Protein backbone atom coordinates (compact mmCIF):
# COMPACT_ATOMS: atom_id res chain seq x y z
CA UNK A 1 18.60 -22.26 32.83
CA UNK A 2 19.06 -23.33 29.21
CA UNK A 3 22.47 -23.75 27.67
CA UNK A 4 22.04 -20.40 25.91
CA UNK A 5 20.46 -18.27 28.66
CA UNK A 6 22.88 -19.18 31.44
CA UNK A 7 26.09 -18.13 29.60
CA UNK A 8 24.37 -14.94 28.41
CA UNK A 9 23.39 -14.13 32.01
CA UNK A 10 26.89 -14.59 33.40
CA UNK A 11 28.80 -13.10 30.46
CA UNK A 12 26.57 -10.14 29.60
CA UNK A 13 23.66 -9.35 31.93
CA UNK A 14 25.56 -9.46 35.21
CA UNK A 15 28.55 -7.41 33.94
CA UNK A 16 26.23 -4.77 32.42
CA UNK A 17 24.35 -4.57 35.72
CA UNK A 18 27.71 -4.03 37.43
CA UNK A 19 28.49 -1.18 35.00
CA UNK A 20 25.15 0.42 35.89
CA UNK A 21 25.93 0.28 39.61
CA UNK A 22 29.37 1.78 38.95
CA UNK A 23 27.96 4.63 36.86
CA UNK A 24 25.34 5.46 39.48
CA UNK A 25 28.05 5.44 42.14
CA UNK A 26 30.21 7.81 40.10
CA UNK A 27 27.22 10.05 39.51
CA UNK A 28 26.48 10.26 43.23
CA UNK A 29 30.11 11.12 43.94
CA UNK A 30 30.17 13.86 41.31
CA UNK A 31 26.83 15.43 42.28
CA UNK A 32 26.80 14.99 46.08
CA UNK A 33 30.18 14.12 47.57
CA UNK A 34 32.78 15.84 45.37
CA UNK A 35 30.59 18.55 43.89
CA UNK A 36 32.57 21.39 45.52
CA UNK A 37 36.01 19.77 45.21
CA UNK A 38 38.55 20.21 42.43
CA UNK A 39 38.27 19.51 39.51
CA UNK A 40 34.48 19.36 39.61
CA UNK A 41 34.27 22.82 41.15
CA UNK A 42 36.01 24.41 38.16
CA UNK A 43 35.04 22.13 35.24
CA UNK A 44 32.27 24.43 34.03
CA UNK A 45 35.01 26.89 33.05
CA UNK A 46 35.37 24.69 29.95
CA UNK A 47 31.72 25.30 29.04
CA UNK A 48 32.06 29.03 29.67
CA UNK A 49 35.16 29.16 27.49
CA UNK A 50 33.39 27.48 24.58
CA UNK A 51 30.30 29.67 25.05
CA UNK A 52 32.43 32.81 25.02
CA UNK A 53 34.38 31.89 21.88
CA UNK A 54 31.65 30.62 19.59
CA UNK A 55 31.73 31.48 15.90
CA UNK A 56 29.10 30.78 13.22
CA UNK A 57 31.33 28.30 11.39
CA UNK A 58 32.31 26.39 14.51
CA UNK A 59 28.71 26.35 15.69
CA UNK A 60 27.66 24.78 12.41
CA UNK A 61 30.34 22.10 12.69
CA UNK A 62 29.35 21.38 16.30
CA UNK A 63 25.75 20.80 15.14
CA UNK A 64 26.93 18.02 12.84
CA UNK A 65 29.04 16.49 15.60
CA UNK A 66 26.02 16.51 17.90
CA UNK A 67 23.77 15.11 15.15
CA UNK A 68 26.07 12.13 14.63
CA UNK A 69 25.54 11.06 18.23
CA UNK A 70 21.78 11.54 18.54
CA UNK A 71 19.43 8.60 18.97
CA UNK A 72 18.03 8.43 15.44
CA UNK A 73 21.48 8.63 13.82
CA UNK A 74 22.97 5.93 16.05
CA UNK A 75 20.01 3.58 15.57
CA UNK A 76 20.07 4.04 11.79
CA UNK A 77 23.83 3.45 11.42
CA UNK A 78 23.71 0.47 13.80
CA UNK A 79 20.87 -1.18 11.87
CA UNK A 80 22.49 -0.60 8.48
CA UNK A 81 25.90 -1.87 9.60
CA UNK A 82 24.36 -4.92 11.29
CA UNK A 83 22.67 -5.87 8.02
CA UNK A 84 25.84 -5.21 5.99
CA UNK A 85 27.94 -7.34 8.35
CA UNK A 86 25.43 -10.20 8.24
CA UNK A 87 25.21 -10.21 4.44
CA UNK A 88 28.96 -9.80 3.96
CA UNK A 89 30.26 -12.28 6.54
CA UNK A 90 27.33 -14.76 6.35
CA UNK A 91 27.22 -15.12 10.14
CA UNK A 92 25.51 -13.39 13.06
CA UNK A 93 28.30 -12.92 15.63
CA UNK A 94 29.53 -9.49 14.49
CA UNK A 95 26.02 -8.11 13.98
CA UNK A 96 24.94 -9.31 17.42
CA UNK A 97 28.05 -7.79 18.96
CA UNK A 98 27.44 -4.35 17.46
CA UNK A 99 23.76 -4.28 18.43
CA UNK A 100 24.42 -5.48 21.98
CA UNK A 101 27.14 -2.88 22.60
CA UNK A 102 24.79 -0.05 21.58
CA UNK A 103 21.86 -1.50 23.55
CA UNK A 104 23.95 -2.09 26.68
CA UNK A 105 25.31 1.46 26.86
CA UNK A 106 21.81 2.83 26.22
CA UNK A 107 20.35 0.84 29.13
CA UNK A 108 23.14 1.95 31.46
CA UNK A 109 22.70 5.57 30.34
CA UNK A 110 18.92 5.53 30.75
CA UNK A 111 18.79 4.02 34.22
CA UNK A 112 21.69 6.18 35.39
CA UNK A 113 19.80 9.33 34.39
CA UNK A 114 16.83 8.10 36.44
CA UNK A 115 19.03 7.81 39.53
CA UNK A 116 21.17 10.94 39.02
CA UNK A 117 19.56 14.37 38.75
CA UNK A 118 22.18 16.80 37.47
CA UNK A 119 21.43 20.17 35.93
CA UNK A 120 23.02 21.08 32.62
CA UNK A 121 25.79 23.73 32.45
CA UNK A 122 24.77 27.29 33.28
CA UNK A 123 25.54 28.68 29.81
CA UNK A 124 23.51 29.36 26.69
CA UNK A 125 22.57 25.94 25.33
CA UNK A 126 22.33 25.55 21.58
CA UNK A 127 20.15 22.43 21.61
CA UNK A 128 16.80 21.67 23.19
CA UNK A 129 17.36 19.90 26.50
CA UNK A 130 15.79 16.43 26.62
CA UNK A 131 14.03 15.51 29.89
CA UNK A 132 17.01 13.58 31.21
CA UNK A 133 19.85 14.34 33.58
CA UNK A 134 23.03 15.93 32.27
CA UNK A 135 24.93 12.93 33.69
CA UNK A 136 26.08 11.05 31.66
CA UNK A 137 26.11 12.13 28.00
CA UNK A 138 23.98 9.77 25.95
CA UNK A 139 25.29 11.15 22.65
CA UNK A 140 28.88 10.45 23.68
CA UNK A 141 28.38 6.93 25.01
CA UNK A 142 26.19 5.92 22.06
CA UNK A 143 28.68 7.18 19.46
CA UNK A 144 31.55 5.55 21.37
CA UNK A 145 29.81 2.17 21.48
CA UNK A 146 28.89 2.32 17.79
CA UNK A 147 32.01 3.72 16.16
CA UNK A 148 34.65 2.19 18.41
CA UNK A 149 32.73 -1.08 18.15
CA UNK A 150 32.90 -0.76 14.37
CA UNK A 151 36.62 0.01 14.61
CA UNK A 152 37.18 -3.19 16.61
CA UNK A 153 35.25 -5.26 14.06
CA UNK A 154 36.75 -3.75 10.93
CA UNK A 155 40.31 -3.77 12.27
CA UNK A 156 39.97 -7.47 13.13
CA UNK A 157 38.75 -8.22 9.60
CA UNK A 158 41.22 -6.03 7.69
CA UNK A 159 44.44 -7.61 6.44
CA UNK A 160 46.92 -4.86 5.43
CA UNK A 161 48.39 -2.96 8.36
CA UNK A 162 47.59 0.42 6.83
CA UNK A 163 43.93 -0.57 6.49
CA UNK A 164 43.79 -1.64 10.14
CA UNK A 165 45.20 1.76 11.14
CA UNK A 166 42.62 3.47 8.95
CA UNK A 167 39.81 1.60 10.70
CA UNK A 168 40.95 2.94 14.07
CA UNK A 169 40.34 6.50 12.85
CA UNK A 170 36.68 5.81 13.72
CA UNK A 171 37.73 6.38 17.35
CA UNK A 172 37.84 10.10 16.51
CA UNK A 173 34.07 10.18 15.91
CA UNK A 174 33.00 9.94 19.59
CA UNK A 175 35.74 12.43 20.50
CA UNK A 176 34.23 14.89 18.03
CA UNK A 177 30.74 14.20 19.42
CA UNK A 178 31.94 14.86 22.97
CA UNK A 179 33.55 18.15 21.94
CA UNK A 180 30.39 19.13 20.10
CA UNK A 181 28.25 18.53 23.17
CA UNK A 182 30.62 20.57 25.34
CA UNK A 183 30.75 23.37 22.78
CA UNK A 184 26.97 23.54 22.58
CA UNK A 185 26.67 23.77 26.37
CA UNK A 186 24.77 20.50 26.78
CA UNK A 187 27.10 18.66 29.19
CA UNK A 188 29.73 19.18 31.84
CA UNK A 189 33.19 17.72 31.07
CA UNK A 190 32.71 15.01 33.71
CA UNK A 191 29.50 13.96 31.93
CA UNK A 192 31.30 13.12 28.69
CA UNK A 193 34.29 11.55 30.46
CA UNK A 194 31.93 9.25 32.37
CA UNK A 195 30.25 8.38 29.09
CA UNK A 196 33.58 7.27 27.65
CA UNK A 197 33.88 4.96 30.66
CA UNK A 198 30.38 3.59 30.10
CA UNK A 199 31.06 2.91 26.42
CA UNK A 200 34.47 1.38 27.10
CA UNK A 201 33.21 -1.05 29.74
CA UNK A 202 30.20 -2.12 27.65
CA UNK A 203 32.54 -2.67 24.71
CA UNK A 204 34.89 -4.84 26.78
CA UNK A 205 31.96 -6.93 28.07
CA UNK A 206 30.67 -7.59 24.55
CA UNK A 207 34.11 -8.33 23.11
CA UNK A 208 34.67 -10.98 25.78
CA UNK A 209 31.11 -12.28 25.76
CA UNK A 210 30.30 -12.28 22.05
CA UNK A 211 33.40 -11.87 19.87
CA UNK A 212 35.68 -14.25 21.78
CA UNK A 213 36.11 -17.41 19.65
CA UNK A 214 36.05 -19.48 22.83
CA UNK A 215 32.42 -18.51 23.46
CA UNK A 216 29.83 -20.59 21.56
CA UNK A 217 27.22 -18.39 19.86
CA UNK A 218 26.05 -20.80 17.22
CA UNK A 219 22.30 -20.67 16.65
CA UNK A 220 20.90 -24.16 16.23
CA UNK A 221 18.47 -24.62 13.42
CA UNK A 222 15.45 -26.87 14.06
CA UNK A 223 14.19 -28.88 11.14
CA UNK A 224 10.49 -28.85 10.15
CA UNK A 225 8.25 -31.12 12.22
CA UNK A 226 6.25 -33.83 10.56
CA UNK A 227 4.27 -36.84 11.88
CA UNK A 228 6.91 -39.21 10.53
CA UNK A 229 9.48 -37.65 12.91
CA UNK A 230 7.33 -38.21 15.98
CA UNK A 231 6.90 -41.96 15.67
CA UNK A 232 9.49 -44.24 17.21
CA UNK A 233 8.39 -47.17 14.99
CA UNK A 234 7.96 -46.01 11.40
CA UNK A 235 5.34 -47.91 9.42
CA UNK A 236 6.65 -50.12 6.64
CA UNK A 237 4.93 -49.47 3.30
CA UNK A 238 6.93 -51.74 1.03
CA UNK A 239 8.72 -48.83 -0.62
CA UNK A 240 12.02 -47.15 0.15
CA UNK A 241 11.78 -44.73 3.02
CA UNK A 242 12.47 -41.11 2.17
């Protein structure tokens, strides 16, 4: 393997594959082994409570929370922030980190839904159900990876203590998304909790594999090729070489 591919394989690909195996294992436990045991046997009471206490105002707020975590919103914010970070910091490390966190959680989410077939809560659902399993919540894990990832980056760059604390308020965004998905009857509580785990583990992998200053992520720039560079014995022309 090349000097770039081998570290990426050991630092990123293998750990993310391990997260996928863990998530599938948890999904099998929740849906087959512990399905009738506490607390999984009573967790849908949370969905029934939300469904029975809905109000027009709260329903409208929950729509915005759900919208923040959908695929198009996460992709748009990720792309914009990656460009802003690159232009502001004049380096790639932070942009690569943010993109890889979002991509990693999405891959784990997608392949987990292929392996785990879980029905959505038996309540009135306020959103159209995508053709994926209820386990885990893609909205929750995507918003966690994006906004907690941003909090990590911005807090590391901020200088005043109050500004660092302000950056960490972004952690509340995925919490709001998770509550919105529960309120709208789209996921069981264990679905969103598992998504927090997925996002957290992917974030840890990328912090250690990309943000760590001990890990080399410098992109080498190759100069333009010309015939004069390929000859071991340059021809003398009687003039100064350029």
